């Protein structure tokens, strides 16, 4: 059966993303196959995590009150990465994970206007998330399986208002599922299941240490993530 190709990205991969750090502390086509947010990554040759992977629905501690980023148990979002020592970068990394969760929470709830996505993104980051959700709503798809995020790095500028969170994604075990029938579409794993993401996280103008995805850059078929 034909493997589902990743959905259109709202931004092309940028070889050099302009960065700006913050100052707050805190801790495929619709015919089948693996389901990803744009393009994805894991695998062989990837460094093993030094601590247990973060559970699927577990958000970072500093999420806004009343914002739900949980996802169904069969939609397993795993974050195999260690937090950086810098508190700002650690907080930005936490909320980058919450941004990913928010997109899949919106897919599960079948809405592009979910409070979680609005809380954890703005500008092009919000548009990207809504585009990913919309494509699945229009196709009658949701997702199931395990989507692994790993090899994360962070960079920030001296200005202290933006952090770049980059990571690989492996969707070889993450699949499309028809909402009406519950049918899971699987296929043969390939390079199209590996992506490299760069998310520019900006400090929100609030006092709750919230970081928002302002820009998203995706490299599909990322051989460096295999």
Protein backbone atom coordinates (compact mmCIF):
# COMPACT_ATOMS: atom_id res chain seq x y z
CA UNK A 1 0.00 0.00 0.00
CA UNK A 2 1.25 3.44 -0.82
CA UNK A 3 2.98 5.16 2.05
CA UNK A 4 1.66 8.53 3.06
CA UNK A 5 3.95 11.38 2.10
CA UNK A 6 4.37 14.27 4.49
CA UNK A 7 2.06 17.21 4.22
CA UNK A 8 3.06 20.56 2.69
CA UNK A 9 5.20 22.72 4.93
CA UNK A 10 4.38 26.35 5.53
CA UNK A 11 8.04 27.31 5.37
CA UNK A 12 11.03 25.96 3.47
CA UNK A 13 14.15 24.88 5.31
CA UNK A 14 16.47 27.79 6.02
CA UNK A 15 20.19 27.06 6.00
CA UNK A 16 20.83 30.04 8.21
CA UNK A 17 17.98 31.10 10.44
CA UNK A 18 18.22 34.54 11.98
CA UNK A 19 18.21 34.22 15.74
CA UNK A 20 17.12 36.60 18.26
CA UNK A 21 17.41 34.73 23.44
CA UNK A 22 14.99 35.37 26.22
CA UNK A 23 15.34 36.21 29.85
CA UNK A 24 12.93 33.90 31.65
CA UNK A 25 14.01 30.90 33.66
CA UNK A 26 12.28 27.57 33.88
CA UNK A 27 13.63 24.51 34.74
CA UNK A 28 2.10 12.30 2.91
CA UNK A 29 -0.46 12.18 0.53
CA UNK A 30 -3.76 10.99 1.91
CA UNK A 31 -3.52 7.49 0.50
CA UNK A 32 -1.41 6.03 3.25
CA UNK A 33 1.67 5.61 5.44
CA UNK A 34 3.46 7.41 8.20
CA UNK A 35 2.01 10.64 9.50
CA UNK A 36 4.23 13.64 10.21
CA UNK A 37 4.10 17.36 10.74
CA UNK A 38 5.75 18.25 7.47
CA UNK A 39 8.70 15.80 7.20
CA UNK A 40 10.30 13.56 9.97
CA UNK A 41 13.36 11.59 11.84
CA UNK A 42 15.09 8.63 14.24
CA UNK A 43 17.03 5.91 14.09
CA UNK A 44 20.04 4.06 13.38
CA UNK A 45 23.09 5.97 14.33
CA UNK A 46 21.15 8.31 16.60
CA UNK A 47 22.57 8.82 20.07
CA UNK A 48 20.71 7.00 22.82
CA UNK A 49 19.06 9.23 25.40
CA UNK A 50 20.79 9.44 28.73
CA UNK A 51 17.47 9.53 30.59
CA UNK A 52 13.99 8.11 30.00
CA UNK A 53 12.03 9.68 27.16
CA UNK A 54 9.34 12.13 28.16
CA UNK A 55 5.83 10.60 28.09
CA UNK A 56 3.48 11.42 25.24
CA UNK A 57 1.00 13.74 26.92
CA UNK A 58 3.31 15.25 29.52
CA UNK A 59 3.63 19.03 29.06
CA UNK A 60 6.34 21.20 30.52
CA UNK A 61 5.75 22.54 34.02
CA UNK A 62 5.30 26.18 33.05
CA UNK A 63 2.38 25.82 30.66
CA UNK A 64 -0.37 28.48 30.86
CA UNK A 65 -3.25 27.75 33.21
CA UNK A 66 -6.15 25.99 31.55
CA UNK A 67 -4.26 25.07 28.36
CA UNK A 68 -4.51 21.38 27.47
CA UNK A 69 -1.79 19.86 25.27
CA UNK A 70 -2.62 16.23 25.99
CA UNK A 71 -2.97 13.74 23.15
CA UNK A 72 -4.56 10.26 22.96
CA UNK A 73 -2.54 7.32 24.27
CA UNK A 74 -2.18 5.87 20.78
CA UNK A 75 -0.60 9.13 19.59
CA UNK A 76 2.77 8.73 21.29
CA UNK A 77 4.98 11.82 21.04
CA UNK A 78 8.39 10.95 22.49
CA UNK A 79 11.05 13.57 23.23
CA UNK A 80 14.45 11.86 23.56
CA UNK A 81 16.52 14.85 24.51
CA UNK A 82 18.36 16.40 27.43
CA UNK A 83 17.62 19.93 28.56
CA UNK A 84 20.41 22.50 28.18
CA UNK A 85 21.94 24.05 31.29
CA UNK A 86 20.83 27.54 30.30
CA UNK A 87 17.44 28.14 31.94
CA UNK A 88 16.07 30.23 29.08
CA UNK A 89 17.04 27.64 26.50
CA UNK A 90 15.61 24.86 28.67
CA UNK A 91 12.29 26.72 28.94
CA UNK A 92 12.24 27.36 25.20
CA UNK A 93 12.90 23.66 24.53
CA UNK A 94 10.05 22.67 26.84
CA UNK A 95 7.64 24.91 24.99
CA UNK A 96 8.89 23.74 21.59
CA UNK A 97 7.74 20.29 22.71
CA UNK A 98 4.45 21.79 23.87
CA UNK A 99 4.05 23.41 20.45
CA UNK A 100 4.37 19.99 18.79
CA UNK A 101 1.87 18.57 21.26
CA UNK A 102 -0.49 21.48 20.61
CA UNK A 103 -0.56 20.71 16.88
CA UNK A 104 -1.46 17.09 17.48
CA UNK A 105 -3.94 18.09 20.17
CA UNK A 106 -5.64 20.23 17.51
CA UNK A 107 -5.60 17.31 15.07
CA UNK A 108 -7.23 15.08 17.68
CA UNK A 109 -9.85 17.71 18.58
CA UNK A 110 -10.40 18.49 14.87
CA UNK A 111 -9.89 22.25 15.17
CA UNK A 112 -7.33 24.83 14.04
CA UNK A 113 -8.43 27.28 16.74
CA UNK A 114 -7.49 25.26 19.80
CA UNK A 115 -6.29 27.28 22.78
CA UNK A 116 -3.07 25.25 23.03
CA UNK A 117 -1.88 26.17 19.54
CA UNK A 118 -2.75 29.82 20.09
CA UNK A 119 -0.86 29.78 23.41
CA UNK A 120 2.33 28.18 22.11
CA UNK A 121 2.70 29.90 18.74
CA UNK A 122 2.35 33.15 16.88
CA UNK A 123 2.93 34.58 13.41
CA UNK A 124 4.31 32.06 10.92
CA UNK A 125 4.55 29.45 13.67
CA UNK A 126 0.79 29.70 14.22
CA UNK A 127 0.12 29.61 10.47
CA UNK A 128 2.31 26.52 10.09
CA UNK A 129 0.48 24.69 12.86
CA UNK A 130 -2.93 25.59 11.45
CA UNK A 131 -1.84 24.45 7.98
CA UNK A 132 -0.76 21.05 9.31
CA UNK A 133 -4.03 20.60 11.20
CA UNK A 134 -6.16 21.78 8.27
CA UNK A 135 -4.58 19.29 5.87
CA UNK A 136 -5.54 16.42 8.14
CA UNK A 137 -9.04 17.75 8.77
CA UNK A 138 -9.66 18.08 5.05
CA UNK A 139 -8.37 14.59 4.38
CA UNK A 140 -10.29 12.99 7.24
CA UNK A 141 -7.08 11.83 8.90
CA UNK A 142 -5.67 11.72 12.40
CA UNK A 143 -2.45 10.03 13.54
CA UNK A 144 -1.42 7.00 15.56
CA UNK A 145 1.82 5.35 16.61
CA UNK A 146 5.10 6.78 17.89
CA UNK A 147 6.75 9.98 16.68
CA UNK A 148 10.25 10.38 18.10
CA UNK A 149 12.06 13.71 18.54
CA UNK A 150 15.79 13.58 19.26
CA UNK A 151 19.27 15.08 18.73
CA UNK A 152 18.03 18.45 19.94
CA UNK A 153 20.23 21.55 20.09
CA UNK A 154 19.56 25.11 21.16
CA UNK A 155 21.06 28.47 20.18
CA UNK A 156 20.28 31.93 21.41
CA UNK A 157 21.47 35.46 20.73
CA UNK A 158 22.86 37.92 23.24
CA UNK A 159 19.71 40.02 22.90
CA UNK A 160 17.93 37.49 25.09
CA UNK A 161 14.54 37.37 23.38
CA UNK A 162 14.68 34.33 21.05
CA UNK A 163 16.01 30.76 21.09
CA UNK A 164 16.37 28.39 18.15
CA UNK A 165 15.42 24.81 19.03
CA UNK A 166 16.56 22.31 16.38
CA UNK A 167 15.87 18.58 16.40
CA UNK A 168 15.37 15.46 14.30
CA UNK A 169 12.05 13.66 13.92
CA UNK A 170 11.51 9.97 13.15
CA UNK A 171 8.06 9.01 11.88
CA UNK A 172 8.83 5.46 10.77
CA UNK A 173 6.35 4.17 13.36
CA UNK A 174 3.87 7.06 13.12
CA UNK A 175 0.94 6.48 10.80
CA UNK A 176 -2.13 8.07 9.29
CA UNK A 177 -5.48 6.83 10.57
CA UNK A 178 -8.86 7.40 8.97
CA UNK A 179 -11.15 9.16 11.43
CA UNK A 180 -14.37 7.58 10.16
CA UNK A 181 -13.17 3.99 9.83
CA UNK A 182 -10.25 3.84 12.24
CA UNK A 183 -8.18 2.21 9.51
CA UNK A 184 -4.42 2.62 10.05
CA UNK A 185 -2.34 3.07 6.91
CA UNK A 186 1.17 1.62 7.08
CA UNK A 187 3.94 1.33 4.55
CA UNK A 188 7.63 0.66 4.13
CA UNK A 189 9.91 3.00 6.12
CA UNK A 190 12.06 5.30 3.99
CA UNK A 191 14.07 8.51 4.06
CA UNK A 192 10.83 10.48 3.73
CA UNK A 193 10.12 9.56 7.37
CA UNK A 194 13.06 11.62 8.62
CA UNK A 195 12.97 15.40 9.05
CA UNK A 196 15.07 18.07 10.67
CA UNK A 197 13.21 20.94 12.34
CA UNK A 198 14.36 24.38 13.41
CA UNK A 199 11.79 26.22 15.51
CA UNK A 200 12.42 29.83 16.51
CA UNK A 201 10.98 30.26 19.99
CA UNK A 202 10.22 33.82 21.11
CA UNK A 203 9.60 34.97 24.67
CA UNK A 204 5.94 35.84 25.11
CA UNK A 205 5.14 39.33 26.43
CA UNK A 206 3.69 37.88 29.61
CA UNK A 207 4.99 37.12 33.06
CA UNK A 208 4.55 33.33 33.01
CA UNK A 209 7.79 32.32 31.27
CA UNK A 210 5.95 31.25 28.14
CA UNK A 211 7.82 30.77 24.87
CA UNK A 212 6.05 30.74 21.52
CA UNK A 213 7.00 29.23 18.16
CA UNK A 214 7.32 32.22 15.86
CA UNK A 215 8.95 30.51 12.86
CA UNK A 216 9.27 26.92 11.68
CA UNK A 217 11.84 25.64 9.17
CA UNK A 218 11.78 22.02 7.99
CA UNK A 219 14.29 19.95 6.03
CA UNK A 220 12.59 16.89 4.59
CA UNK A 221 14.33 13.60 3.78
CA UNK A 222 16.98 14.51 6.33
CA UNK A 223 19.70 11.88 5.91
CA UNK A 224 21.60 13.34 8.87
CA UNK A 225 18.73 12.18 11.12
CA UNK A 226 18.95 8.50 10.13
